[in-house]
Amino acid sequence: MILNPDYFFFLTLVLEERARLLERLEAREEEVLIREEELGRLLKLLEEEERLVIEDEPLL
C-alpha cells in the first residue's frame, strides 16, 4: 500500500494547527483563572466596603 505524500503534508499542517490552537486555549484558560482571582479579590473588597458603610450608618 503506497500512501500519497500530500496526505502526510496535509496531516502535518492539521497537527501543527491543532497544536497552535491548544496553546491559545491554554493561554486563554490561564487568563480566565487570573481574572477570576482578580474578581474574587474585588468582590471581597466590595463586601468589606459594604460592611463598613453599614456599620457607619446611623441606627434608625
N, C-alpha and C. Protein backbone atom coordinates (compact mmCIF):
# COMPACT_ATOMS: atom_id res chain seq x y z
N MET A 1 0.85 -1.19 0.00
CA MET A 1 0.00 0.00 0.00
C MET A 1 0.89 1.24 0.00
N ILE A 2 0.73 2.10 -0.96
CA ILE A 2 1.52 3.31 -1.09
C ILE A 2 0.62 4.49 -0.71
N LEU A 3 1.12 5.30 0.23
CA LEU A 3 0.34 6.45 0.66
C LEU A 3 0.82 7.70 -0.07
N ASN A 4 -0.09 8.56 -0.33
CA ASN A 4 0.18 9.80 -1.04
C ASN A 4 0.97 10.74 -0.13
N PRO A 5 2.10 11.27 -0.58
CA PRO A 5 2.88 12.21 0.24
C PRO A 5 2.10 13.48 0.59
N ASP A 6 1.15 13.85 -0.26
CA ASP A 6 0.33 15.02 0.04
C ASP A 6 -0.49 14.80 1.31
N TYR A 7 -0.86 13.55 1.54
CA TYR A 7 -1.61 13.22 2.75
C TYR A 7 -0.78 13.56 3.99
N PHE A 8 0.48 13.19 3.98
CA PHE A 8 1.34 13.46 5.13
C PHE A 8 1.56 14.96 5.31
N PHE A 9 1.70 15.67 4.20
CA PHE A 9 1.85 17.12 4.28
C PHE A 9 0.60 17.75 4.89
N PHE A 10 -0.57 17.31 4.42
CA PHE A 10 -1.83 17.82 4.95
C PHE A 10 -1.97 17.46 6.43
N LEU A 11 -1.65 16.22 6.78
CA LEU A 11 -1.73 15.78 8.17
C LEU A 11 -0.81 16.61 9.05
N THR A 12 0.37 16.90 8.58
CA THR A 12 1.31 17.74 9.34
C THR A 12 0.73 19.13 9.56
N LEU A 13 0.14 19.71 8.54
CA LEU A 13 -0.47 21.03 8.69
C LEU A 13 -1.59 21.01 9.72
N VAL A 14 -2.42 19.97 9.66
CA VAL A 14 -3.54 19.85 10.59
C VAL A 14 -3.02 19.72 12.02
N LEU A 15 -2.01 18.89 12.21
CA LEU A 15 -1.47 18.69 13.57
C LEU A 15 -0.79 19.94 14.10
N GLU A 16 -0.11 20.67 13.24
CA GLU A 16 0.51 21.93 13.67
C GLU A 16 -0.55 22.96 14.06
N GLU A 17 -1.61 23.05 13.29
CA GLU A 17 -2.69 23.98 13.61
C GLU A 17 -3.37 23.58 14.91
N ARG A 18 -3.57 22.31 15.10
CA ARG A 18 -4.16 21.80 16.35
C ARG A 18 -3.29 22.20 17.54
N ALA A 19 -1.98 22.04 17.40
CA ALA A 19 -1.06 22.40 18.48
C ALA A 19 -1.13 23.90 18.77
N ARG A 20 -1.20 24.73 17.75
CA ARG A 20 -1.31 26.18 17.94
C ARG A 20 -2.62 26.53 18.66
N LEU A 21 -3.70 25.89 18.24
CA LEU A 21 -5.00 26.16 18.87
C LEU A 21 -5.00 25.72 20.33
N LEU A 22 -4.39 24.60 20.63
CA LEU A 22 -4.29 24.15 22.02
C LEU A 22 -3.49 25.13 22.87
N GLU A 23 -2.40 25.66 22.32
CA GLU A 23 -1.60 26.65 23.03
C GLU A 23 -2.42 27.90 23.32
N ARG A 24 -3.17 28.35 22.32
CA ARG A 24 -4.02 29.54 22.53
C ARG A 24 -5.08 29.28 23.57
N LEU A 25 -5.67 28.09 23.53
CA LEU A 25 -6.70 27.73 24.51
C LEU A 25 -6.11 27.71 25.92
N GLU A 26 -4.94 27.13 26.09
CA GLU A 26 -4.30 27.10 27.40
C GLU A 26 -4.00 28.51 27.89
N ALA A 27 -3.54 29.38 27.00
CA ALA A 27 -3.25 30.76 27.38
C ALA A 27 -4.53 31.47 27.82
N ARG A 28 -5.60 31.25 27.11
CA ARG A 28 -6.87 31.88 27.48
C ARG A 28 -7.40 31.34 28.79
N GLU A 29 -7.24 30.03 29.02
CA GLU A 29 -7.66 29.45 30.29
C GLU A 29 -6.90 30.08 31.44
N GLU A 30 -5.61 30.31 31.23
CA GLU A 30 -4.81 30.96 32.27
C GLU A 30 -5.29 32.39 32.51
N GLU A 31 -5.61 33.11 31.43
CA GLU A 31 -6.14 34.47 31.57
C GLU A 31 -7.45 34.46 32.35
N VAL A 32 -8.30 33.49 32.08
CA VAL A 32 -9.58 33.39 32.78
C VAL A 32 -9.34 33.15 34.27
N LEU A 33 -8.42 32.27 34.59
CA LEU A 33 -8.12 31.99 36.00
C LEU A 33 -7.60 33.25 36.71
N ILE A 34 -6.74 33.98 36.03
CA ILE A 34 -6.21 35.22 36.62
C ILE A 34 -7.34 36.22 36.84
N ARG A 35 -8.21 36.36 35.86
CA ARG A 35 -9.34 37.31 36.00
C ARG A 35 -10.30 36.86 37.10
N GLU A 36 -10.52 35.55 37.22
CA GLU A 36 -11.38 35.05 38.29
C GLU A 36 -10.79 35.40 39.66
N GLU A 37 -9.47 35.26 39.79
CA GLU A 37 -8.81 35.61 41.04
C GLU A 37 -8.96 37.10 41.32
N GLU A 38 -8.76 37.92 40.29
CA GLU A 38 -8.90 39.37 40.45
C GLU A 38 -10.33 39.73 40.85
N LEU A 39 -11.31 39.10 40.20
CA LEU A 39 -12.70 39.37 40.53
C LEU A 39 -13.02 38.94 41.96
N GLY A 40 -12.45 37.83 42.38
CA GLY A 40 -12.64 37.37 43.75
C GLY A 40 -12.10 38.38 44.76
N ARG A 41 -10.92 38.93 44.47
CA ARG A 41 -10.34 39.95 45.36
C ARG A 41 -11.19 41.21 45.37
N LEU A 42 -11.66 41.62 44.20
CA LEU A 42 -12.51 42.81 44.12
C LEU A 42 -13.83 42.60 44.87
N LEU A 43 -14.39 41.41 44.76
CA LEU A 43 -15.63 41.11 45.47
C LEU A 43 -15.41 41.18 46.98
N LYS A 44 -14.30 40.65 47.45
CA LYS A 44 -14.01 40.73 48.89
C LYS A 44 -13.87 42.19 49.33
N LEU A 45 -13.20 43.01 48.52
CA LEU A 45 -13.06 44.43 48.84
C LEU A 45 -14.42 45.12 48.87
N LEU A 46 -15.26 44.80 47.90
CA LEU A 46 -16.59 45.39 47.84
C LEU A 46 -17.43 44.97 49.05
N GLU A 47 -17.35 43.70 49.41
CA GLU A 47 -18.10 43.24 50.58
C GLU A 47 -17.61 43.92 51.86
N GLU A 48 -16.30 44.10 51.98
CA GLU A 48 -15.75 44.79 53.15
C GLU A 48 -16.19 46.25 53.17
N GLU A 49 -16.17 46.89 52.01
CA GLU A 49 -16.61 48.29 51.92
C GLU A 49 -18.09 48.40 52.30
N GLU A 50 -18.90 47.47 51.82
CA GLU A 50 -20.32 47.46 52.14
C GLU A 50 -20.53 47.27 53.64
N ARG A 51 -19.76 46.38 54.23
CA ARG A 51 -19.86 46.14 55.67
C ARG A 51 -19.51 47.41 56.45
N LEU A 52 -18.46 48.11 56.02
CA LEU A 52 -18.06 49.34 56.70
C LEU A 52 -19.13 50.42 56.57
N VAL A 53 -19.73 50.52 55.40
CA VAL A 53 -20.79 51.52 55.18
C VAL A 53 -21.98 51.22 56.08
N ILE A 54 -22.35 49.96 56.17
CA ILE A 54 -23.49 49.58 57.01
C ILE A 54 -23.19 49.89 58.47
N GLU A 55 -21.96 49.63 58.90
CA GLU A 55 -21.59 49.91 60.29
C GLU A 55 -21.59 51.40 60.58
N ASP A 56 -21.27 52.22 59.59
CA ASP A 56 -21.19 53.67 59.77
C ASP A 56 -22.55 54.36 59.69
N GLU A 57 -23.57 53.67 59.17
CA GLU A 57 -24.90 54.29 59.06
C GLU A 57 -25.51 54.45 60.45
N PRO A 58 -26.13 55.58 60.68
CA PRO A 58 -26.77 55.76 61.99
C PRO A 58 -27.95 54.80 62.13
N LEU A 59 -28.13 54.32 63.33
CA LEU A 59 -29.26 53.43 63.60
C LEU A 59 -30.55 54.22 63.58
N LEU A 60 -31.56 53.68 62.96
CA LEU A 60 -32.85 54.37 62.88
C LEU A 60 -33.75 53.95 63.99
